[in-house]
Each structure stands twice: as C-alpha cells, then as structure tokens.
Amino acid sequence: MDVQAKIKETVSNNKVVLYMKGSPKFPQCGFSSVAAQILNACGAEFVAVDVLQDMDIREGIKQYANWPTIPQLYVDGEFIGGADIMRSMYQSGELQELLAKA
C-alpha cells in the first residue's frame, strides 16, 4: 500500500486523527503539544499518528493535505488545520462543535 493510500485509510476509518511529532503523552514539538492539549481539553477521543516513527508518513502527510507543517488535524476525513487554526477554532468554540458532531 502506498503512503497516500495508508493516510487516506487512517483518516477515513477514524473520526478524529492528529498527525503529530511524538505522542500525546510525550509530544516532540511545542505545536504538537498544543494540538494534543486542545483535543484533550475538548474531551475528544482521537487517534494520534507519530510522524517521527515513519519518514514516508512524515513527508506524505504534507502532500496529502497540501499543508507544509505538522501537526495536522483531521475530523471525519476532512483536513481541519494545524495548531494555530486549532487554537483559533477552540477559542471561538467552533472546534468543540465540530468534535461533538464527530
């Protein structure tokens, strides 16, 4: 299975997916830490994919959403954005609504 198909399968088969550096308990960058904290603050159940474990995924996810940075959040198969977008959506309440629907 090629990396794009693997990514598509992951985001399609899980309601909420966070591609991040490290894990929610041990994030390896500040932005990934913020993203995981926001999802935890929302009480969201999510699948975290550590891009540091697989260089193909790390590069492939950037192409998949045409978004150059990590973390990346997907809800119901849709690309939502990175840490800054998540923070903005969280502060406005939009992210909580989106996650509640998922």
N, C-alpha and C. Protein backbone atom coordinates (compact mmCIF):
# COMPACT_ATOMS: atom_id res chain seq x y z
N MET A 1 0.86 -1.19 0.00
CA MET A 1 0.00 0.00 0.00
C MET A 1 0.90 1.24 0.00
N ASP A 2 0.62 2.17 -0.88
CA ASP A 2 1.45 3.36 -0.91
C ASP A 2 1.06 4.29 0.24
N VAL A 3 1.92 5.26 0.53
CA VAL A 3 1.76 6.10 1.71
C VAL A 3 0.48 6.95 1.63
N GLN A 4 0.11 7.45 0.46
CA GLN A 4 -1.12 8.25 0.34
C GLN A 4 -2.35 7.40 0.64
N ALA A 5 -2.35 6.17 0.18
CA ALA A 5 -3.48 5.26 0.45
C ALA A 5 -3.56 4.94 1.94
N LYS A 6 -2.40 4.77 2.56
CA LYS A 6 -2.35 4.48 4.00
C LYS A 6 -2.91 5.66 4.81
N ILE A 7 -2.52 6.87 4.42
CA ILE A 7 -3.02 8.07 5.11
C ILE A 7 -4.52 8.19 4.92
N LYS A 8 -4.98 8.01 3.68
CA LYS A 8 -6.42 8.10 3.38
C LYS A 8 -7.20 7.08 4.20
N GLU A 9 -6.67 5.86 4.32
CA GLU A 9 -7.34 4.83 5.10
C GLU A 9 -7.43 5.25 6.57
N THR A 10 -6.35 5.80 7.11
CA THR A 10 -6.33 6.21 8.52
C THR A 10 -7.34 7.32 8.78
N VAL A 11 -7.36 8.36 7.93
CA VAL A 11 -8.29 9.48 8.18
C VAL A 11 -9.73 9.10 7.86
N SER A 12 -9.93 8.12 7.00
CA SER A 12 -11.29 7.70 6.65
C SER A 12 -11.89 6.77 7.70
N ASN A 13 -11.05 5.96 8.34
CA ASN A 13 -11.54 4.94 9.28
C ASN A 13 -11.57 5.39 10.73
N ASN A 14 -11.17 6.64 10.99
CA ASN A 14 -11.18 7.16 12.35
C ASN A 14 -11.84 8.54 12.35
N LYS A 15 -12.67 8.80 13.35
CA LYS A 15 -13.40 10.07 13.41
C LYS A 15 -12.45 11.27 13.54
N VAL A 16 -11.47 11.16 14.46
CA VAL A 16 -10.56 12.26 14.73
C VAL A 16 -9.13 11.73 14.70
N VAL A 17 -8.31 12.31 13.83
CA VAL A 17 -6.92 11.87 13.70
C VAL A 17 -6.00 13.09 13.80
N LEU A 18 -4.98 12.97 14.62
CA LEU A 18 -3.97 14.02 14.75
C LEU A 18 -2.62 13.46 14.33
N TYR A 19 -2.09 14.00 13.24
CA TYR A 19 -0.72 13.68 12.84
C TYR A 19 0.18 14.64 13.59
N MET A 20 1.09 14.09 14.38
CA MET A 20 1.90 14.93 15.26
C MET A 20 3.31 14.38 15.40
N LYS A 21 4.17 15.20 15.98
CA LYS A 21 5.53 14.76 16.30
C LYS A 21 5.51 14.28 17.74
N GLY A 22 5.77 12.98 17.92
CA GLY A 22 5.70 12.38 19.24
C GLY A 22 4.31 11.82 19.50
N SER A 23 4.01 11.67 20.79
CA SER A 23 2.71 11.13 21.20
C SER A 23 2.01 12.16 22.10
N PRO A 24 0.70 11.99 22.33
CA PRO A 24 0.02 12.95 23.21
C PRO A 24 0.67 13.05 24.60
N LYS A 25 1.17 11.93 25.10
CA LYS A 25 1.82 11.96 26.43
C LYS A 25 3.24 12.52 26.37
N PHE A 26 3.91 12.31 25.23
CA PHE A 26 5.29 12.77 25.07
C PHE A 26 5.47 13.47 23.72
N PRO A 27 4.85 14.65 23.56
CA PRO A 27 5.00 15.37 22.28
C PRO A 27 6.45 15.80 22.08
N GLN A 28 6.88 15.81 20.82
CA GLN A 28 8.26 16.14 20.50
C GLN A 28 8.41 17.53 19.91
N CYS A 29 7.33 18.31 19.89
CA CYS A 29 7.44 19.72 19.50
C CYS A 29 6.31 20.49 20.17
N GLY A 30 6.52 21.78 20.32
CA GLY A 30 5.54 22.62 21.02
C GLY A 30 4.19 22.66 20.34
N PHE A 31 4.19 22.72 19.01
CA PHE A 31 2.92 22.79 18.28
C PHE A 31 2.13 21.50 18.44
N SER A 32 2.82 20.36 18.40
CA SER A 32 2.15 19.08 18.61
C SER A 32 1.59 18.99 20.02
N SER A 33 2.33 19.52 20.98
CA SER A 33 1.88 19.54 22.37
C SER A 33 0.60 20.36 22.51
N VAL A 34 0.58 21.54 21.90
CA VAL A 34 -0.61 22.41 21.94
C VAL A 34 -1.80 21.71 21.31
N ALA A 35 -1.58 21.09 20.15
CA ALA A 35 -2.67 20.41 19.43
C ALA A 35 -3.28 19.29 20.29
N ALA A 36 -2.43 18.48 20.90
CA ALA A 36 -2.92 17.38 21.75
C ALA A 36 -3.64 17.93 22.98
N GLN A 37 -3.12 19.00 23.57
CA GLN A 37 -3.76 19.61 24.75
C GLN A 37 -5.15 20.15 24.40
N ILE A 38 -5.27 20.76 23.23
CA ILE A 38 -6.56 21.30 22.81
C ILE A 38 -7.58 20.16 22.65
N LEU A 39 -7.18 19.07 21.99
CA LEU A 39 -8.10 17.94 21.81
C LEU A 39 -8.48 17.34 23.16
N ASN A 40 -7.51 17.23 24.07
CA ASN A 40 -7.80 16.70 25.41
C ASN A 40 -8.74 17.64 26.16
N ALA A 41 -8.55 18.95 26.02
CA ALA A 41 -9.42 19.93 26.68
C ALA A 41 -10.85 19.82 26.16
N CYS A 42 -10.99 19.41 24.90
CA CYS A 42 -12.32 19.23 24.31
C CYS A 42 -12.93 17.88 24.69
N GLY A 43 -12.14 17.04 25.34
CA GLY A 43 -12.62 15.71 25.70
C GLY A 43 -12.74 14.79 24.49
N ALA A 44 -11.99 15.10 23.45
CA ALA A 44 -12.10 14.32 22.20
C ALA A 44 -11.32 13.02 22.30
N GLU A 45 -11.92 11.97 21.78
CA GLU A 45 -11.18 10.73 21.57
C GLU A 45 -10.56 10.85 20.19
N PHE A 46 -9.24 10.62 20.12
CA PHE A 46 -8.57 10.77 18.83
C PHE A 46 -7.44 9.78 18.68
N VAL A 47 -7.14 9.50 17.42
CA VAL A 47 -6.01 8.65 17.07
C VAL A 47 -4.84 9.58 16.78
N ALA A 48 -3.72 9.33 17.45
CA ALA A 48 -2.52 10.14 17.21
C ALA A 48 -1.54 9.31 16.38
N VAL A 49 -1.02 9.91 15.32
CA VAL A 49 -0.03 9.25 14.47
C VAL A 49 1.28 10.02 14.63
N ASP A 50 2.31 9.32 15.13
CA ASP A 50 3.62 9.93 15.34
C ASP A 50 4.40 9.89 14.03
N VAL A 51 4.54 11.06 13.39
CA VAL A 51 5.23 11.12 12.09
C VAL A 51 6.73 10.87 12.22
N LEU A 52 7.26 10.96 13.43
CA LEU A 52 8.69 10.72 13.63
C LEU A 52 9.03 9.23 13.51
N GLN A 53 8.01 8.38 13.60
CA GLN A 53 8.22 6.94 13.50
C GLN A 53 8.31 6.45 12.05
N ASP A 54 7.89 7.28 11.11
CA ASP A 54 7.83 6.85 9.72
C ASP A 54 8.05 8.05 8.80
N MET A 55 9.23 8.12 8.20
CA MET A 55 9.57 9.27 7.35
C MET A 55 8.65 9.37 6.13
N ASP A 56 8.18 8.24 5.62
CA ASP A 56 7.27 8.26 4.47
C ASP A 56 5.96 8.96 4.85
N ILE A 57 5.45 8.64 6.04
CA ILE A 57 4.22 9.30 6.52
C ILE A 57 4.51 10.78 6.77
N ARG A 58 5.67 11.08 7.35
CA ARG A 58 6.01 12.47 7.67
C ARG A 58 6.00 13.35 6.42
N GLU A 59 6.55 12.85 5.33
CA GLU A 59 6.56 13.62 4.08
C GLU A 59 5.21 13.50 3.36
N GLY A 60 4.63 12.31 3.40
CA GLY A 60 3.37 12.05 2.68
C GLY A 60 2.20 12.86 3.19
N ILE A 61 2.16 13.10 4.51
CA ILE A 61 1.03 13.85 5.08
C ILE A 61 1.06 15.30 4.61
N LYS A 62 2.24 15.82 4.37
CA LYS A 62 2.35 17.21 3.88
C LYS A 62 1.76 17.32 2.48
N GLN A 63 1.97 16.30 1.66
CA GLN A 63 1.41 16.28 0.31
C GLN A 63 -0.08 15.99 0.33
N TYR A 64 -0.49 15.12 1.26
CA TYR A 64 -1.89 14.69 1.32
C TYR A 64 -2.83 15.88 1.46
N ALA A 65 -2.50 16.79 2.37
CA ALA A 65 -3.37 17.95 2.60
C ALA A 65 -2.85 19.21 1.91
N ASN A 66 -1.71 19.07 1.23
CA ASN A 66 -1.05 20.23 0.65
C ASN A 66 -0.82 21.29 1.73
N TRP A 67 -0.33 20.83 2.88
CA TRP A 67 -0.09 21.67 4.05
C TRP A 67 1.31 21.34 4.55
N PRO A 68 2.20 22.34 4.64
CA PRO A 68 3.62 22.05 4.84
C PRO A 68 4.05 21.69 6.26
N THR A 69 3.17 21.90 7.24
CA THR A 69 3.61 21.71 8.61
C THR A 69 2.83 20.62 9.34
N ILE A 70 3.41 20.19 10.45
CA ILE A 70 2.83 19.19 11.34
C ILE A 70 2.79 19.86 12.70
N PRO A 71 1.73 19.74 13.48
CA PRO A 71 0.64 18.76 13.41
C PRO A 71 -0.44 19.12 12.37
N GLN A 72 -1.21 18.08 12.07
CA GLN A 72 -2.37 18.24 11.20
C GLN A 72 -3.53 17.47 11.81
N LEU A 73 -4.69 18.14 11.87
CA LEU A 73 -5.89 17.53 12.44
C LEU A 73 -6.89 17.20 11.33
N TYR A 74 -7.44 16.00 11.42
CA TYR A 74 -8.49 15.54 10.50
C TYR A 74 -9.70 15.14 11.34
N VAL A 75 -10.89 15.61 10.93
CA VAL A 75 -12.13 15.23 11.58
C VAL A 75 -13.08 14.74 10.49
N ASP A 76 -13.60 13.53 10.67
CA ASP A 76 -14.49 12.91 9.67
C ASP A 76 -13.85 12.93 8.27
N GLY A 77 -12.56 12.66 8.21
CA GLY A 77 -11.88 12.59 6.93
C GLY A 77 -11.48 13.92 6.33
N GLU A 78 -11.90 15.03 6.96
CA GLU A 78 -11.62 16.36 6.44
C GLU A 78 -10.41 16.97 7.15
N PHE A 79 -9.53 17.59 6.37
CA PHE A 79 -8.40 18.31 6.95
C PHE A 79 -8.91 19.59 7.60
N ILE A 80 -8.57 19.79 8.87
CA ILE A 80 -9.02 20.97 9.61
C ILE A 80 -7.92 22.02 9.66
N GLY A 81 -6.71 21.62 10.01
CA GLY A 81 -5.61 22.57 10.06
C GLY A 81 -4.57 22.16 11.08
N GLY A 82 -3.66 23.09 11.34
CA GLY A 82 -2.59 22.87 12.30
C GLY A 82 -2.91 23.48 13.65
N ALA A 83 -1.87 23.64 14.47
CA ALA A 83 -2.05 24.09 15.86
C ALA A 83 -2.67 25.49 15.95
N ASP A 84 -2.24 26.42 15.10
CA ASP A 84 -2.77 27.78 15.17
C ASP A 84 -4.25 27.83 14.81
N ILE A 85 -4.63 27.10 13.78
CA ILE A 85 -6.04 27.04 13.37
C ILE A 85 -6.86 26.36 14.47
N MET A 86 -6.31 25.28 15.03
CA MET A 86 -7.00 24.59 16.12
C MET A 86 -7.22 25.53 17.31
N ARG A 87 -6.18 26.29 17.66
CA ARG A 87 -6.28 27.22 18.80
C ARG A 87 -7.38 28.26 18.54
N SER A 88 -7.39 28.82 17.34
CA SER A 88 -8.39 29.82 16.98
C SER A 88 -9.80 29.23 17.03
N MET A 89 -9.95 28.04 16.47
CA MET A 89 -11.27 27.38 16.46
C MET A 89 -11.71 27.01 17.88
N TYR A 90 -10.75 26.62 18.71
CA TYR A 90 -11.06 26.26 20.10
C TYR A 90 -11.55 27.50 20.86
N GLN A 91 -10.84 28.62 20.68
CA GLN A 91 -11.20 29.85 21.38
C GLN A 91 -12.58 30.36 20.97
N SER A 92 -12.97 30.12 19.72
CA SER A 92 -14.28 30.58 19.25
C SER A 92 -15.39 29.58 19.57
N GLY A 93 -15.00 28.36 20.00
CA GLY A 93 -15.99 27.32 20.29
C GLY A 93 -16.32 26.46 19.08
N GLU A 94 -15.78 26.82 17.92
CA GLU A 94 -16.07 26.12 16.68
C GLU A 94 -15.53 24.68 16.70
N LEU A 95 -14.34 24.51 17.29
CA LEU A 95 -13.73 23.18 17.32
C LEU A 95 -14.55 22.22 18.19
N GLN A 96 -15.02 22.71 19.34
CA GLN A 96 -15.83 21.87 20.22
C GLN A 96 -17.09 21.39 19.50
N GLU A 97 -17.73 22.29 18.75
CA GLU A 97 -18.94 21.93 17.98
C GLU A 97 -18.61 20.86 16.95
N LEU A 98 -17.52 21.06 16.23
CA LEU A 98 -17.11 20.12 15.20
C LEU A 98 -16.83 18.74 15.79
N LEU A 99 -16.12 18.71 16.90
CA LEU A 99 -15.79 17.44 17.55
C LEU A 99 -17.02 16.76 18.14
N ALA A 100 -17.96 17.56 18.63
CA ALA A 100 -19.19 17.00 19.18
C ALA A 100 -20.01 16.29 18.09
N LYS A 101 -20.01 16.86 16.90
CA LYS A 101 -20.74 16.24 15.78
C LYS A 101 -20.07 14.94 15.32
N ALA A 102 -18.73 14.91 15.43
CA ALA A 102 -17.99 13.71 15.01
C ALA A 102 -18.22 12.59 16.00
